[in-house]
Amino acid sequence: MPGRAIAPFTVPADLWRRPETLDALRNRDIGWLFRLLRQYAGASQTQIAIACGMTQGKVSETMKPRGRRVTSSEVFERIADGLDMPDHARMTLGPAPSSFNPTSAAPTGTAVIRAQDEPVGLDSSAFLGSLALKPHAGKRRDRCADVRSPSSPGRVCSARS
């Protein structure tokens, strides 16, 4: 069948809910996932390679039972995008859902802090500086921090021996 190898393929929606597919995603076993795509979607190695931005040879090596393992988060993301994985499948594999929106994804009661939410009049470097206590060289181990606030301007140190 001329042209079949480069023709796009359709992944059946129920494939992403099959127990063996979810196991492959949970285990990040891309070879198993590719074999399932071949079995249930009829996708060739070349079609999978084109969809996922890989070469046919890499797909072939990945599909072997003890073949190439995918470990890069960028490759997982590229595979999820290329196969147009639904959000539940993407999250099972590891990448964020394609419709991810950090401000809407926060559970109820969780604050999402944005730059515009910073309190007015607070010098953030003073706040951060007060959290980072730095040891000084020498026999005495001092922990000092720069504190810039109206109540304690200057440097605060606590000695340790």
N, C-alpha and C. Protein backbone atom coordinates (compact mmCIF):
# COMPACT_ATOMS: atom_id res chain seq x y z
N MET A 1 0.84 -1.18 0.00
CA MET A 1 0.00 0.00 0.00
C MET A 1 0.88 1.24 0.00
N PRO A 2 1.11 1.83 -1.17
CA PRO A 2 1.95 3.02 -1.24
C PRO A 2 1.34 4.16 -0.42
N GLY A 3 2.20 4.89 0.29
CA GLY A 3 1.77 6.05 1.06
C GLY A 3 1.23 5.73 2.44
N ARG A 4 0.96 4.46 2.76
CA ARG A 4 0.39 4.10 4.05
C ARG A 4 1.34 4.44 5.19
N ALA A 5 2.64 4.24 4.98
CA ALA A 5 3.62 4.43 6.05
C ALA A 5 3.65 5.87 6.56
N ILE A 6 3.39 6.84 5.68
CA ILE A 6 3.47 8.22 6.13
C ILE A 6 2.10 8.84 6.39
N ALA A 7 1.04 8.08 6.14
CA ALA A 7 -0.30 8.58 6.41
C ALA A 7 -0.52 8.66 7.92
N PRO A 8 -1.23 9.69 8.39
CA PRO A 8 -1.51 9.77 9.82
C PRO A 8 -2.41 8.60 10.25
N PHE A 9 -2.35 8.28 11.52
CA PHE A 9 -3.19 7.20 12.05
C PHE A 9 -4.04 7.76 13.18
N THR A 10 -5.10 7.06 13.47
CA THR A 10 -6.02 7.48 14.53
C THR A 10 -5.92 6.50 15.69
N VAL A 11 -5.71 7.06 16.87
CA VAL A 11 -5.66 6.24 18.08
C VAL A 11 -7.07 6.13 18.63
N PRO A 12 -7.59 4.91 18.77
CA PRO A 12 -8.94 4.77 19.35
C PRO A 12 -8.98 5.35 20.76
N ALA A 13 -10.00 6.11 21.06
CA ALA A 13 -10.13 6.78 22.36
C ALA A 13 -10.07 5.78 23.52
N ASP A 14 -10.63 4.59 23.32
CA ASP A 14 -10.64 3.61 24.41
C ASP A 14 -9.26 3.02 24.70
N LEU A 15 -8.31 3.20 23.79
CA LEU A 15 -6.96 2.68 24.03
C LEU A 15 -6.35 3.30 25.29
N TRP A 16 -6.63 4.58 25.52
CA TRP A 16 -6.03 5.29 26.66
C TRP A 16 -6.62 4.85 28.00
N ARG A 17 -7.73 4.10 27.98
CA ARG A 17 -8.36 3.61 29.21
C ARG A 17 -8.10 2.12 29.45
N ARG A 18 -7.50 1.45 28.49
CA ARG A 18 -7.23 0.01 28.62
C ARG A 18 -6.24 -0.23 29.77
N PRO A 19 -6.45 -1.25 30.58
CA PRO A 19 -5.54 -1.52 31.71
C PRO A 19 -4.08 -1.70 31.28
N GLU A 20 -3.84 -2.38 30.15
CA GLU A 20 -2.46 -2.59 29.72
C GLU A 20 -1.81 -1.28 29.26
N THR A 21 -2.60 -0.39 28.70
CA THR A 21 -2.07 0.92 28.31
C THR A 21 -1.73 1.74 29.55
N LEU A 22 -2.62 1.73 30.52
CA LEU A 22 -2.36 2.47 31.76
C LEU A 22 -1.13 1.90 32.48
N ASP A 23 -0.96 0.57 32.45
CA ASP A 23 0.24 -0.03 33.04
C ASP A 23 1.50 0.43 32.31
N ALA A 24 1.45 0.45 30.98
CA ALA A 24 2.60 0.89 30.19
C ALA A 24 2.94 2.35 30.52
N LEU A 25 1.92 3.19 30.64
CA LEU A 25 2.14 4.60 30.96
C LEU A 25 2.70 4.75 32.37
N ARG A 26 2.10 4.04 33.34
CA ARG A 26 2.57 4.11 34.72
C ARG A 26 4.03 3.70 34.84
N ASN A 27 4.41 2.66 34.09
CA ASN A 27 5.79 2.14 34.13
C ASN A 27 6.72 2.88 33.18
N ARG A 28 6.17 3.86 32.48
CA ARG A 28 6.93 4.62 31.49
C ARG A 28 7.62 3.69 30.49
N ASP A 29 6.91 2.64 30.11
CA ASP A 29 7.41 1.65 29.16
C ASP A 29 6.90 2.03 27.77
N ILE A 30 7.65 2.88 27.09
CA ILE A 30 7.24 3.40 25.80
C ILE A 30 7.24 2.30 24.74
N GLY A 31 8.14 1.34 24.86
CA GLY A 31 8.15 0.21 23.93
C GLY A 31 6.83 -0.54 23.96
N TRP A 32 6.33 -0.80 25.15
CA TRP A 32 5.05 -1.48 25.33
C TRP A 32 3.92 -0.61 24.75
N LEU A 33 3.98 0.70 25.03
CA LEU A 33 2.97 1.61 24.50
C LEU A 33 2.98 1.58 22.97
N PHE A 34 4.16 1.61 22.35
CA PHE A 34 4.25 1.56 20.89
C PHE A 34 3.70 0.24 20.34
N ARG A 35 3.96 -0.86 21.05
CA ARG A 35 3.42 -2.16 20.60
C ARG A 35 1.89 -2.16 20.69
N LEU A 36 1.35 -1.52 21.72
CA LEU A 36 -0.11 -1.40 21.84
C LEU A 36 -0.69 -0.53 20.72
N LEU A 37 0.02 0.53 20.36
CA LEU A 37 -0.43 1.39 19.26
C LEU A 37 -0.45 0.60 17.95
N ARG A 38 0.54 -0.23 17.79
CA ARG A 38 0.60 -1.05 16.57
C ARG A 38 -0.56 -2.05 16.56
N GLN A 39 -0.83 -2.66 17.72
CA GLN A 39 -1.88 -3.67 17.80
C GLN A 39 -3.28 -3.09 17.66
N TYR A 40 -3.57 -2.00 18.39
CA TYR A 40 -4.94 -1.49 18.45
C TYR A 40 -5.23 -0.34 17.48
N ALA A 41 -4.19 0.38 17.05
CA ALA A 41 -4.42 1.48 16.11
C ALA A 41 -3.93 1.13 14.72
N GLY A 42 -3.21 0.01 14.61
CA GLY A 42 -2.69 -0.39 13.30
C GLY A 42 -1.58 0.52 12.81
N ALA A 43 -0.92 1.20 13.72
CA ALA A 43 0.13 2.16 13.35
C ALA A 43 1.44 1.44 13.03
N SER A 44 2.09 1.89 11.96
CA SER A 44 3.39 1.33 11.62
C SER A 44 4.47 2.05 12.44
N GLN A 45 5.66 1.47 12.46
CA GLN A 45 6.77 2.11 13.17
C GLN A 45 7.07 3.48 12.58
N THR A 46 6.97 3.60 11.26
CA THR A 46 7.23 4.88 10.60
C THR A 46 6.18 5.91 10.99
N GLN A 47 4.91 5.50 11.06
CA GLN A 47 3.85 6.43 11.46
C GLN A 47 4.06 6.90 12.90
N ILE A 48 4.42 5.98 13.78
CA ILE A 48 4.68 6.34 15.18
C ILE A 48 5.87 7.29 15.24
N ALA A 49 6.91 6.98 14.48
CA ALA A 49 8.11 7.82 14.47
C ALA A 49 7.79 9.24 14.01
N ILE A 50 7.04 9.36 12.94
CA ILE A 50 6.68 10.69 12.43
C ILE A 50 5.85 11.45 13.46
N ALA A 51 4.88 10.79 14.07
CA ALA A 51 4.01 11.44 15.06
C ALA A 51 4.81 11.91 16.28
N CYS A 52 5.81 11.12 16.70
CA CYS A 52 6.54 11.41 17.94
C CYS A 52 7.86 12.14 17.73
N GLY A 53 8.18 12.48 16.49
CA GLY A 53 9.43 13.20 16.23
C GLY A 53 10.65 12.33 16.46
N MET A 54 10.56 11.06 16.08
CA MET A 54 11.65 10.12 16.24
C MET A 54 11.97 9.52 14.87
N THR A 55 13.01 8.71 14.81
CA THR A 55 13.29 7.96 13.59
C THR A 55 12.63 6.59 13.71
N GLN A 56 12.40 5.96 12.56
CA GLN A 56 11.81 4.62 12.56
C GLN A 56 12.73 3.65 13.29
N GLY A 57 14.04 3.82 13.13
CA GLY A 57 15.00 2.95 13.81
C GLY A 57 14.91 3.04 15.32
N LYS A 58 14.75 4.26 15.84
CA LYS A 58 14.61 4.42 17.30
C LYS A 58 13.31 3.81 17.80
N VAL A 59 12.25 3.95 17.01
CA VAL A 59 10.97 3.33 17.39
C VAL A 59 11.14 1.82 17.42
N SER A 60 11.81 1.28 16.41
CA SER A 60 12.04 -0.17 16.35
C SER A 60 12.84 -0.64 17.56
N GLU A 61 13.93 0.08 17.89
CA GLU A 61 14.75 -0.29 19.06
C GLU A 61 13.95 -0.17 20.35
N THR A 62 13.08 0.82 20.43
CA THR A 62 12.26 1.03 21.63
C THR A 62 11.21 -0.06 21.77
N MET A 63 10.71 -0.56 20.67
CA MET A 63 9.65 -1.58 20.70
C MET A 63 10.17 -2.96 21.08
N LYS A 64 11.46 -3.20 20.95
CA LYS A 64 12.01 -4.51 21.33
C LYS A 64 11.81 -4.71 22.82
N PRO A 65 11.48 -5.95 23.25
CA PRO A 65 11.21 -6.19 24.68
C PRO A 65 12.33 -5.72 25.62
N ARG A 66 13.57 -5.87 25.28
CA ARG A 66 14.65 -5.38 26.14
C ARG A 66 15.45 -4.31 25.40
N GLY A 67 14.75 -3.52 24.62
CA GLY A 67 15.39 -2.51 23.77
C GLY A 67 15.62 -1.19 24.47
N ARG A 68 15.71 -0.17 23.65
CA ARG A 68 15.97 1.20 24.10
C ARG A 68 14.90 1.66 25.09
N ARG A 69 15.33 2.31 26.18
CA ARG A 69 14.40 2.87 27.17
C ARG A 69 14.37 4.38 27.03
N VAL A 70 13.19 4.94 27.08
CA VAL A 70 13.04 6.39 27.06
C VAL A 70 13.12 6.86 28.51
N THR A 71 14.01 7.83 28.76
CA THR A 71 14.17 8.36 30.12
C THR A 71 14.05 9.88 30.18
N SER A 72 14.13 10.54 29.05
CA SER A 72 14.12 12.00 29.01
C SER A 72 12.70 12.55 29.10
N SER A 73 12.52 13.52 29.99
CA SER A 73 11.19 14.13 30.14
C SER A 73 10.78 14.86 28.86
N GLU A 74 11.76 15.40 28.13
CA GLU A 74 11.44 16.08 26.87
C GLU A 74 10.88 15.09 25.85
N VAL A 75 11.43 13.87 25.82
CA VAL A 75 10.94 12.85 24.88
C VAL A 75 9.56 12.38 25.31
N PHE A 76 9.32 12.20 26.61
CA PHE A 76 7.98 11.83 27.08
C PHE A 76 6.96 12.90 26.63
N GLU A 77 7.35 14.16 26.79
CA GLU A 77 6.47 15.27 26.40
C GLU A 77 6.20 15.23 24.90
N ARG A 78 7.24 15.00 24.11
CA ARG A 78 7.10 14.95 22.65
C ARG A 78 6.19 13.78 22.23
N ILE A 79 6.35 12.64 22.89
CA ILE A 79 5.50 11.48 22.58
C ILE A 79 4.05 11.77 22.96
N ALA A 80 3.84 12.34 24.14
CA ALA A 80 2.48 12.67 24.58
C ALA A 80 1.83 13.66 23.62
N ASP A 81 2.59 14.67 23.19
CA ASP A 81 2.05 15.65 22.24
C ASP A 81 1.78 15.00 20.89
N GLY A 82 2.74 14.22 20.39
CA GLY A 82 2.62 13.62 19.08
C GLY A 82 1.46 12.64 18.96
N LEU A 83 1.20 11.92 20.05
CA LEU A 83 0.09 10.95 20.05
C LEU A 83 -1.22 11.59 20.49
N ASP A 84 -1.17 12.89 20.79
CA ASP A 84 -2.35 13.64 21.23
C ASP A 84 -3.04 12.93 22.40
N MET A 85 -2.23 12.59 23.40
CA MET A 85 -2.74 11.88 24.57
C MET A 85 -3.73 12.75 25.33
N PRO A 86 -4.83 12.16 25.78
CA PRO A 86 -5.73 12.92 26.65
C PRO A 86 -5.04 13.20 28.00
N ASP A 87 -5.53 14.17 28.71
CA ASP A 87 -4.88 14.61 29.95
C ASP A 87 -4.67 13.50 30.96
N HIS A 88 -5.64 12.60 31.14
CA HIS A 88 -5.47 11.55 32.14
C HIS A 88 -4.31 10.62 31.76
N ALA A 89 -4.12 10.36 30.47
CA ALA A 89 -3.01 9.52 30.02
C ALA A 89 -1.69 10.25 30.18
N ARG A 90 -1.67 11.54 29.84
CA ARG A 90 -0.45 12.35 29.99
C ARG A 90 0.01 12.35 31.45
N MET A 91 -0.93 12.55 32.36
CA MET A 91 -0.56 12.62 33.77
C MET A 91 -0.10 11.27 34.29
N THR A 92 -0.64 10.18 33.75
CA THR A 92 -0.19 8.85 34.14
C THR A 92 1.24 8.63 33.69
N LEU A 93 1.57 9.12 32.49
CA LEU A 93 2.92 9.01 31.95
C LEU A 93 3.89 9.94 32.68
N GLY A 94 3.44 11.13 33.02
CA GLY A 94 4.32 12.05 33.71
C GLY A 94 4.21 13.49 33.28
N PRO A 95 4.08 13.80 31.97
CA PRO A 95 3.98 15.22 31.59
C PRO A 95 2.70 15.86 32.11
N ALA A 96 2.76 17.17 32.23
CA ALA A 96 1.58 17.91 32.67
C ALA A 96 0.49 17.79 31.62
N PRO A 97 -0.76 17.91 32.03
CA PRO A 97 -1.84 17.85 31.05
C PRO A 97 -1.69 18.98 30.04
N SER A 98 -2.15 18.76 28.82
CA SER A 98 -2.01 19.77 27.78
C SER A 98 -2.84 21.01 28.08
N SER A 99 -3.88 20.86 28.87
CA SER A 99 -4.73 22.00 29.23
C SER A 99 -4.33 22.57 30.58
N PHE A 100 -3.09 22.32 31.01
CA PHE A 100 -2.64 22.74 32.35
C PHE A 100 -2.65 24.25 32.49
N ASN A 101 -3.26 24.72 33.54
CA ASN A 101 -3.29 26.13 33.88
C ASN A 101 -3.02 26.21 35.37
N PRO A 102 -1.83 26.67 35.79
CA PRO A 102 -1.46 26.62 37.20
C PRO A 102 -2.45 27.32 38.13
N THR A 103 -3.09 28.38 37.69
CA THR A 103 -3.99 29.09 38.60
C THR A 103 -5.31 28.35 38.75
N SER A 104 -5.74 27.59 37.73
CA SER A 104 -6.99 26.86 37.87
C SER A 104 -6.75 25.45 38.41
N ALA A 105 -5.49 24.98 38.40
CA ALA A 105 -5.20 23.61 38.83
C ALA A 105 -5.00 23.50 40.33
N ALA A 106 -4.91 24.62 41.03
CA ALA A 106 -4.69 24.57 42.47
C ALA A 106 -5.93 24.06 43.18
N PRO A 107 -5.74 23.09 44.11
CA PRO A 107 -6.89 22.61 44.87
C PRO A 107 -7.49 23.72 45.71
N THR A 108 -8.75 23.58 46.06
CA THR A 108 -9.43 24.56 46.89
C THR A 108 -8.68 24.72 48.21
N GLY A 109 -8.48 25.97 48.61
CA GLY A 109 -7.77 26.24 49.85
C GLY A 109 -6.27 26.40 49.65
N THR A 110 -5.77 26.23 48.43
CA THR A 110 -4.35 26.40 48.14
C THR A 110 -4.15 27.75 47.49
N ALA A 111 -3.22 28.51 48.01
CA ALA A 111 -2.95 29.83 47.46
C ALA A 111 -1.98 29.72 46.31
N VAL A 112 -2.28 30.41 45.25
CA VAL A 112 -1.35 30.53 44.13
C VAL A 112 -0.83 31.95 44.18
N ILE A 113 0.47 32.10 44.41
CA ILE A 113 1.07 33.42 44.59
C ILE A 113 1.66 33.88 43.26
N ARG A 114 1.24 35.03 42.84
CA ARG A 114 1.76 35.62 41.61
C ARG A 114 2.59 36.84 41.97
N ALA A 115 3.37 37.32 41.02
CA ALA A 115 4.24 38.48 41.27
C ALA A 115 3.41 39.68 41.72
N GLN A 116 2.23 39.88 41.13
CA GLN A 116 1.42 41.04 41.50
C GLN A 116 0.83 40.91 42.90
N ASP A 117 0.93 39.72 43.52
CA ASP A 117 0.39 39.51 44.86
C ASP A 117 1.38 39.87 45.96
N GLU A 118 2.62 40.27 45.60
CA GLU A 118 3.63 40.59 46.60
C GLU A 118 3.17 41.79 47.43
N PRO A 119 3.30 41.71 48.74
CA PRO A 119 2.85 42.81 49.60
C PRO A 119 3.57 44.11 49.25
N VAL A 120 2.82 45.19 49.23
CA VAL A 120 3.38 46.51 48.93
C VAL A 120 4.23 46.97 50.10
N GLY A 121 5.39 47.54 49.81
CA GLY A 121 6.25 48.08 50.85
C GLY A 121 7.21 47.06 51.44
N LEU A 122 7.15 45.81 51.07
CA LEU A 122 8.05 44.79 51.61
C LEU A 122 9.19 44.60 50.63
N ASP A 123 10.40 44.77 51.11
CA ASP A 123 11.58 44.54 50.29
C ASP A 123 11.82 43.03 50.29
N SER A 124 11.55 42.38 49.15
CA SER A 124 11.64 40.92 49.11
C SER A 124 13.06 40.44 49.37
N SER A 125 14.08 41.22 49.03
CA SER A 125 15.46 40.79 49.29
C SER A 125 15.71 40.74 50.79
N ALA A 126 15.08 41.61 51.56
CA ALA A 126 15.24 41.58 53.01
C ALA A 126 14.60 40.32 53.58
N PHE A 127 13.44 39.99 53.07
CA PHE A 127 12.76 38.79 53.53
C PHE A 127 13.58 37.55 53.20
N LEU A 128 14.02 37.44 51.95
CA LEU A 128 14.81 36.29 51.54
C LEU A 128 16.15 36.25 52.27
N GLY A 129 16.76 37.42 52.49
CA GLY A 129 18.03 37.47 53.20
C GLY A 129 17.89 36.99 54.63
N SER A 130 16.75 37.24 55.24
CA SER A 130 16.56 36.80 56.62
C SER A 130 16.39 35.29 56.71
N LEU A 131 16.04 34.65 55.61
CA LEU A 131 15.89 33.21 55.61
C LEU A 131 17.20 32.48 55.33
N ALA A 132 18.09 33.13 54.62
CA ALA A 132 19.35 32.48 54.22
C ALA A 132 20.45 32.86 55.19
N LEU A 133 20.65 32.04 56.17
CA LEU A 133 21.71 32.28 57.15
C LEU A 133 22.99 31.67 56.61
N LYS A 134 24.05 32.50 56.51
CA LYS A 134 25.28 32.04 55.88
C LYS A 134 26.38 31.88 56.92
N PRO A 135 27.01 30.70 56.98
CA PRO A 135 28.12 30.53 57.92
C PRO A 135 29.36 31.27 57.42
N HIS A 136 30.14 31.82 58.37
CA HIS A 136 31.39 32.51 58.03
C HIS A 136 32.56 31.59 58.34
N ALA A 137 33.66 31.80 57.61
CA ALA A 137 34.86 30.99 57.83
C ALA A 137 35.51 31.37 59.15
N GLY A 138 36.29 30.48 59.71
CA GLY A 138 36.98 30.75 60.96
C GLY A 138 36.67 29.68 61.98
N LYS A 139 37.30 29.81 63.18
CA LYS A 139 37.07 28.81 64.22
C LYS A 139 35.66 28.90 64.76
N ARG A 140 35.20 30.13 64.97
CA ARG A 140 33.83 30.29 65.42
C ARG A 140 32.91 30.17 64.23
N ARG A 141 31.84 29.48 64.41
CA ARG A 141 30.88 29.33 63.32
C ARG A 141 29.72 30.27 63.56
N ASP A 142 29.81 31.44 62.95
CA ASP A 142 28.73 32.42 63.06
C ASP A 142 27.72 32.20 61.94
N ARG A 143 26.50 32.44 62.25
CA ARG A 143 25.46 32.44 61.22
C ARG A 143 24.90 33.85 61.20
N CYS A 144 25.07 34.50 60.06
CA CYS A 144 24.66 35.89 59.93
C CYS A 144 23.69 36.07 58.78
N ALA A 145 22.88 37.08 58.92
CA ALA A 145 21.95 37.42 57.85
C ALA A 145 21.74 38.91 57.83
N ASP A 146 21.58 39.44 56.64
CA ASP A 146 21.24 40.86 56.50
C ASP A 146 19.74 41.00 56.69
N VAL A 147 19.36 41.90 57.59
CA VAL A 147 17.94 42.14 57.83
C VAL A 147 17.68 43.61 57.63
N ARG A 148 16.80 43.93 56.71
CA ARG A 148 16.45 45.32 56.46
C ARG A 148 14.98 45.49 56.77
N SER A 149 14.71 45.84 57.98
CA SER A 149 13.33 46.11 58.35
C SER A 149 13.34 47.29 59.31
N PRO A 150 12.23 47.97 59.48
CA PRO A 150 12.20 49.13 60.38
C PRO A 150 12.59 48.78 61.81
N SER A 151 12.30 47.57 62.28
CA SER A 151 12.60 47.23 63.67
C SER A 151 14.03 46.77 63.87
N SER A 152 14.69 46.14 62.86
CA SER A 152 16.07 45.68 63.01
C SER A 152 16.88 45.94 61.74
N PRO A 153 17.31 47.15 61.56
CA PRO A 153 18.14 47.40 60.39
C PRO A 153 19.55 46.88 60.67
N GLY A 154 20.18 46.25 59.70
CA GLY A 154 21.56 45.84 59.86
C GLY A 154 21.73 44.34 59.76
N ARG A 155 22.73 43.83 60.50
CA ARG A 155 23.12 42.44 60.40
C ARG A 155 22.80 41.73 61.71
N VAL A 156 22.25 40.54 61.63
CA VAL A 156 21.90 39.73 62.80
C VAL A 156 22.74 38.47 62.72
N CYS A 157 23.46 38.16 63.81
CA CYS A 157 24.30 36.96 63.84
C CYS A 157 24.01 36.15 65.08
N SER A 158 24.13 34.85 64.95
CA SER A 158 24.05 33.98 66.11
C SER A 158 25.30 33.14 66.11
N ALA A 159 26.00 33.08 67.25
CA ALA A 159 27.27 32.37 67.35
C ALA A 159 27.03 30.92 67.65
N ARG A 160 27.88 30.06 67.03
CA ARG A 160 27.88 28.64 67.33
C ARG A 160 29.32 28.22 67.52
N SER A 161 29.56 27.34 68.46
CA SER A 161 30.93 26.88 68.66
C SER A 161 31.10 25.47 68.19
